[in-house]
Amino acid sequence: MSALCGAQDGDYKCVEALALRKRAEDEMGRGDFTKASSLLTQVWLGMGYIDGALDDAREATLLAPNNLEASYVCKGDAFMAKGQYDESEQCYSIAMELDPSIRKSMSLKARVQKLQEKLVSANSS
């Protein structure tokens, strides 16, 4: 993790990433791999390592394709951070298709809203 924390990023960002990583390790210890994967994606994205987040999300999809958050939602987050909005939308759509109850999730609603704003902005440019 220390390799992620360059001096130019500031101490706060580094401490925040380490705290998220610790929470992810705790969740793994409890067997909640969905939460752990989501937290690790946040670490990668927060540190600006989008490709690392995408690689982890792809691996989660291979290891647990039925785990919607670890698979498709995290992958959608990484694609959105990369500016690949169509891919992000596709990932979120797959998650909602596989589990329609996920549509009620406030965090997914916020993600979809953010994606829609990015799509409008990209299409008007």
C-alpha atoms as a PDB file:
ATOM      1  CA  MET A   1       0.000   0.000   0.000  1.00  0.00           C
ATOM      2  CA  SER A   2       2.838   2.378   0.684  1.00  0.00           C
ATOM      3  CA  ALA A   3       3.672   2.286  -3.029  1.00  0.00           C
ATOM      4  CA  LEU A   4       0.267   3.844  -3.655  1.00  0.00           C
ATOM      5  CA  CYS A   5       0.950   6.708  -1.279  1.00  0.00           C
ATOM      6  CA  GLY A   6       3.301   9.113  -2.972  1.00  0.00           C
ATOM      7  CA  ALA A   7       4.421  12.249  -1.177  1.00  0.00           C
ATOM      8  CA  GLN A   8       2.557  14.425  -3.665  1.00  0.00           C
ATOM      9  CA  ASP A   9      -0.729  12.765  -2.709  1.00  0.00           C
ATOM     10  CA  GLY A  10      -0.600  14.111   0.821  1.00  0.00           C
ATOM     11  CA  ASP A  11      -0.817  12.339   4.117  1.00  0.00           C
ATOM     12  CA  TYR A  12      -4.620  12.487   4.345  1.00  0.00           C
ATOM     13  CA  LYS A  13      -5.155  10.516   1.141  1.00  0.00           C
ATOM     14  CA  CYS A  14      -2.636   7.929   2.284  1.00  0.00           C
ATOM     15  CA  VAL A  15      -4.209   7.540   5.724  1.00  0.00           C
ATOM     16  CA  GLU A  16      -7.667   7.291   4.194  1.00  0.00           C
ATOM     17  CA  ALA A  17      -6.506   4.576   1.778  1.00  0.00           C
ATOM     18  CA  LEU A  18      -4.842   2.640   4.578  1.00  0.00           C
ATOM     19  CA  ALA A  19      -8.012   2.860   6.676  1.00  0.00           C
ATOM     20  CA  LEU A  20     -10.115   1.547   3.785  1.00  0.00           C
ATOM     21  CA  ARG A  21      -7.638  -1.262   3.218  1.00  0.00           C
ATOM     22  CA  LYS A  22      -7.795  -2.209   6.904  1.00  0.00           C
ATOM     23  CA  ARG A  23     -11.600  -2.256   6.743  1.00  0.00           C
ATOM     24  CA  ALA A  24     -11.388  -4.475   3.642  1.00  0.00           C
ATOM     25  CA  GLU A  25      -9.081  -6.893   5.451  1.00  0.00           C
ATOM     26  CA  ASP A  26     -11.508  -6.989   8.392  1.00  0.00           C
ATOM     27  CA  GLU A  27     -14.407  -7.749   6.035  1.00  0.00           C
ATOM     28  CA  MET A  28     -12.408 -10.541   4.382  1.00  0.00           C
ATOM     29  CA  GLY A  29     -11.727 -11.980   7.828  1.00  0.00           C
ATOM     30  CA  ARG A  30     -15.476 -12.008   8.467  1.00  0.00           C
ATOM     31  CA  GLY A  31     -16.059 -13.657   5.097  1.00  0.00           C
ATOM     32  CA  ASP A  32     -17.806 -10.638   3.540  1.00  0.00           C
ATOM     33  CA  PHE A  33     -15.950 -10.618   0.244  1.00  0.00           C
ATOM     34  CA  THR A  34     -18.540  -8.342  -1.368  1.00  0.00           C
ATOM     35  CA  LYS A  35     -17.826  -5.541   1.077  1.00  0.00           C
ATOM     36  CA  ALA A  36     -14.083  -6.227   0.952  1.00  0.00           C
ATOM     37  CA  SER A  37     -14.041  -6.007  -2.846  1.00  0.00           C
ATOM     38  CA  SER A  38     -16.017  -2.779  -2.811  1.00  0.00           C
ATOM     39  CA  LEU A  39     -13.655  -1.225  -0.268  1.00  0.00           C
ATOM     40  CA  LEU A  40     -10.563  -2.290  -2.220  1.00  0.00           C
ATOM     41  CA  THR A  41     -12.028  -0.780  -5.384  1.00  0.00           C
ATOM     42  CA  GLN A  42     -12.499   2.472  -3.458  1.00  0.00           C
ATOM     43  CA  VAL A  43      -8.842   2.335  -2.382  1.00  0.00           C
ATOM     44  CA  TRP A  44      -7.631   1.943  -5.971  1.00  0.00           C
ATOM     45  CA  LEU A  45      -9.974   4.603  -7.320  1.00  0.00           C
ATOM     46  CA  GLY A  46      -9.226   6.993  -4.477  1.00  0.00           C
ATOM     47  CA  MET A  47      -5.526   6.738  -5.170  1.00  0.00           C
ATOM     48  CA  GLY A  48      -6.063   7.263  -8.898  1.00  0.00           C
ATOM     49  CA  TYR A  49      -5.106   3.727  -9.920  1.00  0.00           C
ATOM     50  CA  ILE A  50      -8.117   3.099 -12.117  1.00  0.00           C
ATOM     51  CA  ASP A  51      -6.563   0.191 -14.000  1.00  0.00           C
ATOM     52  CA  GLY A  52      -5.830  -1.540 -10.675  1.00  0.00           C
ATOM     53  CA  ALA A  53      -9.478  -1.113  -9.671  1.00  0.00           C
ATOM     54  CA  LEU A  54     -10.624  -2.476 -13.008  1.00  0.00           C
ATOM     55  CA  ASP A  55      -8.256  -5.454 -12.797  1.00  0.00           C
ATOM     56  CA  ASP A  56      -9.551  -6.287  -9.299  1.00  0.00           C
ATOM     57  CA  ALA A  57     -13.172  -5.954 -10.438  1.00  0.00           C
ATOM     58  CA  ARG A  58     -12.534  -8.225 -13.427  1.00  0.00           C
ATOM     59  CA  GLU A  59     -10.937 -10.803 -11.153  1.00  0.00           C
ATOM     60  CA  ALA A  60     -13.896 -10.572  -8.765  1.00  0.00           C
ATOM     61  CA  THR A  61     -16.219 -11.216 -11.716  1.00  0.00           C
ATOM     62  CA  LEU A  62     -14.289 -14.371 -12.584  1.00  0.00           C
ATOM     63  CA  LEU A  63     -14.176 -15.578  -8.977  1.00  0.00           C
ATOM     64  CA  ALA A  64     -17.736 -14.669  -8.005  1.00  0.00           C
ATOM     65  CA  PRO A  65     -19.894 -13.865 -11.037  1.00  0.00           C
ATOM     66  CA  ASN A  66     -23.079 -14.006  -8.942  1.00  0.00           C
ATOM     67  CA  ASN A  67     -21.744 -11.471  -6.461  1.00  0.00           C
ATOM     68  CA  LEU A  68     -23.245  -8.387  -8.077  1.00  0.00           C
ATOM     69  CA  GLU A  69     -21.448  -5.680  -6.121  1.00  0.00           C
ATOM     70  CA  ALA A  70     -18.046  -7.330  -6.252  1.00  0.00           C
ATOM     71  CA  SER A  71     -18.495  -8.102  -9.929  1.00  0.00           C
ATOM     72  CA  TYR A  72     -20.562  -5.670 -11.892  1.00  0.00           C
ATOM     73  CA  VAL A  73     -20.998  -2.652  -9.631  1.00  0.00           C
ATOM     74  CA  CYS A  74     -17.277  -2.307  -8.858  1.00  0.00           C
ATOM     75  CA  LYS A  75     -16.444  -2.839 -12.513  1.00  0.00           C
ATOM     76  CA  GLY A  76     -18.990  -0.147 -13.428  1.00  0.00           C
ATOM     77  CA  ASP A  77     -17.340   2.227 -10.943  1.00  0.00           C
ATOM     78  CA  ALA A  78     -13.924   1.609 -12.486  1.00  0.00           C
ATOM     79  CA  PHE A  79     -15.211   2.112 -16.032  1.00  0.00           C
ATOM     80  CA  MET A  80     -16.894   5.357 -14.984  1.00  0.00           C
ATOM     81  CA  ALA A  81     -13.631   6.589 -13.453  1.00  0.00           C
ATOM     82  CA  LYS A  82     -11.893   5.764 -16.760  1.00  0.00           C
ATOM     83  CA  GLY A  83     -14.485   7.777 -18.658  1.00  0.00           C
ATOM     84  CA  GLN A  84     -15.823   4.647 -20.353  1.00  0.00           C
ATOM     85  CA  TYR A  85     -19.453   5.489 -19.656  1.00  0.00           C
ATOM     86  CA  ASP A  86     -21.065   2.990 -22.018  1.00  0.00           C
ATOM     87  CA  GLU A  87     -19.172   0.132 -20.347  1.00  0.00           C
ATOM     88  CA  SER A  88     -20.111   1.506 -16.934  1.00  0.00           C
ATOM     89  CA  GLU A  89     -23.768   1.663 -17.909  1.00  0.00           C
ATOM     90  CA  GLN A  90     -23.596  -1.902 -19.221  1.00  0.00           C
ATOM     91  CA  CYS A  91     -22.144  -3.171 -15.916  1.00  0.00           C
ATOM     92  CA  TYR A  92     -24.776  -1.409 -13.809  1.00  0.00           C
ATOM     93  CA  SER A  93     -27.511  -2.699 -16.146  1.00  0.00           C
ATOM     94  CA  ILE A  94     -26.280  -6.289 -15.806  1.00  0.00           C
ATOM     95  CA  ALA A  95     -26.324  -5.957 -12.021  1.00  0.00           C
ATOM     96  CA  MET A  96     -29.907  -4.650 -12.087  1.00  0.00           C
ATOM     97  CA  GLU A  97     -30.961  -7.311 -14.572  1.00  0.00           C
ATOM     98  CA  LEU A  98     -29.550 -10.126 -12.443  1.00  0.00           C
ATOM     99  CA  ASP A  99     -31.075  -8.732  -9.253  1.00  0.00           C
ATOM    100  CA  PRO A 100     -33.935  -6.261  -9.785  1.00  0.00           C
ATOM    101  CA  SER A 101     -34.075  -5.557  -6.030  1.00  0.00           C
ATOM    102  CA  ILE A 102     -30.689  -3.828  -6.307  1.00  0.00           C
ATOM    103  CA  ARG A 103     -32.478  -0.935  -8.064  1.00  0.00           C
ATOM    104  CA  LYS A 104     -33.657   0.188  -4.616  1.00  0.00           C
ATOM    105  CA  SER A 105     -30.094   0.534  -3.334  1.00  0.00           C
ATOM    106  CA  MET A 106     -29.351   4.166  -2.563  1.00  0.00           C
ATOM    107  CA  SER A 107     -25.678   3.734  -3.426  1.00  0.00           C
ATOM    108  CA  LEU A 108     -26.528   2.251  -6.836  1.00  0.00           C
ATOM    109  CA  LYS A 109     -29.077   5.003  -7.469  1.00  0.00           C
ATOM    110  CA  ALA A 110     -26.365   7.576  -6.728  1.00  0.00           C
ATOM    111  CA  ARG A 111     -23.955   5.804  -9.082  1.00  0.00           C
ATOM    112  CA  VAL A 112     -26.524   5.681 -11.888  1.00  0.00           C
ATOM    113  CA  GLN A 113     -27.373   9.357 -11.348  1.00  0.00           C
ATOM    114  CA  LYS A 114     -23.680  10.276 -11.551  1.00  0.00           C
ATOM    115  CA  LEU A 115     -23.313   8.168 -14.696  1.00  0.00           C
ATOM    116  CA  GLN A 116     -26.315   9.861 -16.314  1.00  0.00           C
ATOM    117  CA  GLU A 117     -24.804  13.282 -15.558  1.00  0.00           C
ATOM    118  CA  LYS A 118     -21.495  12.191 -17.122  1.00  0.00           C
ATOM    119  CA  LEU A 119     -23.291  10.830 -20.206  1.00  0.00           C
ATOM    120  CA  VAL A 120     -25.229  14.085 -20.672  1.00  0.00           C
ATOM    121  CA  SER A 121     -22.018  16.070 -20.280  1.00  0.00           C
ATOM    122  CA  ALA A 122     -20.117  13.822 -22.705  1.00  0.00           C
ATOM    123  CA  ASN A 123     -22.897  13.918 -25.295  1.00  0.00           C
ATOM    124  CA  SER A 124     -23.187  17.695 -25.170  1.00  0.00           C
ATOM    125  CA  SER A 125     -19.461  18.227 -25.699  1.00  0.00           C
END
